[in-house]
Amino acid sequence: MSDILAKVKADEEKNGRFWQQFKLLWSGLFVLATAVATIVGWQNEGQSSNQQLLALTLRRNPKNN
């Protein structure tokens, strides 16, 4: 009986570590995605509306440049 309890306890510890690492991985990915989105937003925010319109126009009509 004590062998079974020891095995159950070891399995709980192993699974606990797995879920802890899994949560840490997803947290890290979320932070990274948020940072990238923030940087992209700041770059677009730094441009004036005329610059944004010009960039959009040049993307659509590259021959007019």
Protein backbone atom coordinates (compact mmCIF):
# COMPACT_ATOMS: atom_id res chain seq x y z
CA MET A 1 0.00 0.00 0.00
CA SER A 2 2.79 2.42 0.84
CA ASP A 3 4.41 1.67 -2.55
CA ILE A 4 1.22 2.71 -4.32
CA LEU A 5 0.97 5.92 -2.28
CA ALA A 6 4.61 6.74 -3.02
CA LYS A 7 4.03 6.20 -6.74
CA VAL A 8 0.90 8.40 -6.70
CA LYS A 9 2.80 11.15 -4.89
CA ALA A 10 5.67 10.96 -7.41
CA ASP A 11 3.19 11.17 -10.31
CA GLU A 12 1.52 14.22 -8.75
CA GLU A 13 4.87 15.97 -8.38
CA LYS A 14 5.85 15.15 -11.97
CA ASN A 15 2.53 16.37 -13.39
CA GLY A 16 2.66 19.47 -11.20
CA ARG A 17 6.05 20.39 -12.62
CA PHE A 18 4.78 19.81 -16.17
CA TRP A 19 1.79 22.13 -15.72
CA GLN A 20 3.96 24.73 -14.03
CA GLN A 21 6.34 24.75 -17.01
CA PHE A 22 3.40 24.76 -19.42
CA LYS A 23 1.88 27.82 -17.74
CA LEU A 24 5.27 29.54 -17.72
CA LEU A 25 5.71 28.89 -21.44
CA TRP A 26 2.28 30.32 -22.32
CA SER A 27 2.88 33.33 -20.07
CA GLY A 28 6.16 34.01 -21.83
CA LEU A 29 4.56 33.73 -25.27
CA PHE A 30 1.78 36.10 -24.21
CA VAL A 31 4.28 38.68 -22.94
CA LEU A 32 6.30 38.40 -26.16
CA ALA A 33 3.21 38.82 -28.37
CA THR A 34 2.08 41.81 -26.32
CA ALA A 35 5.51 43.43 -26.60
CA VAL A 36 5.59 42.97 -30.38
CA ALA A 37 2.08 44.40 -30.76
CA THR A 38 3.01 47.39 -28.60
CA ILE A 39 6.16 48.13 -30.61
CA VAL A 40 4.26 47.94 -33.90
CA GLY A 41 1.56 50.22 -32.48
CA TRP A 42 4.13 52.79 -31.36
CA GLN A 43 5.75 52.81 -34.79
CA ASN A 44 2.42 53.48 -36.49
CA GLU A 45 1.44 56.06 -33.88
CA GLY A 46 4.65 58.01 -34.49
CA GLN A 47 3.72 58.69 -38.08
CA SER A 48 1.47 61.57 -39.04
CA SER A 49 -1.75 60.80 -40.89
CA ASN A 50 -0.19 62.17 -44.11
CA GLN A 51 2.76 59.81 -43.77
CA GLN A 52 0.42 56.89 -43.17
CA LEU A 53 -1.66 57.83 -46.23
CA LEU A 54 1.48 58.18 -48.36
CA ALA A 55 2.79 54.81 -47.20
CA LEU A 56 -0.56 53.19 -47.96
CA THR A 57 -0.69 54.83 -51.40
CA LEU A 58 2.86 53.74 -52.25
CA ARG A 59 2.06 50.18 -51.22
CA ARG A 60 -0.95 50.13 -53.54
CA ASN A 61 0.69 51.96 -56.47
CA PRO A 62 4.44 51.30 -56.43
CA LYS A 63 4.86 52.59 -60.02
CA ASN A 64 3.88 56.15 -59.01
CA ASN A 65 6.99 56.56 -56.89
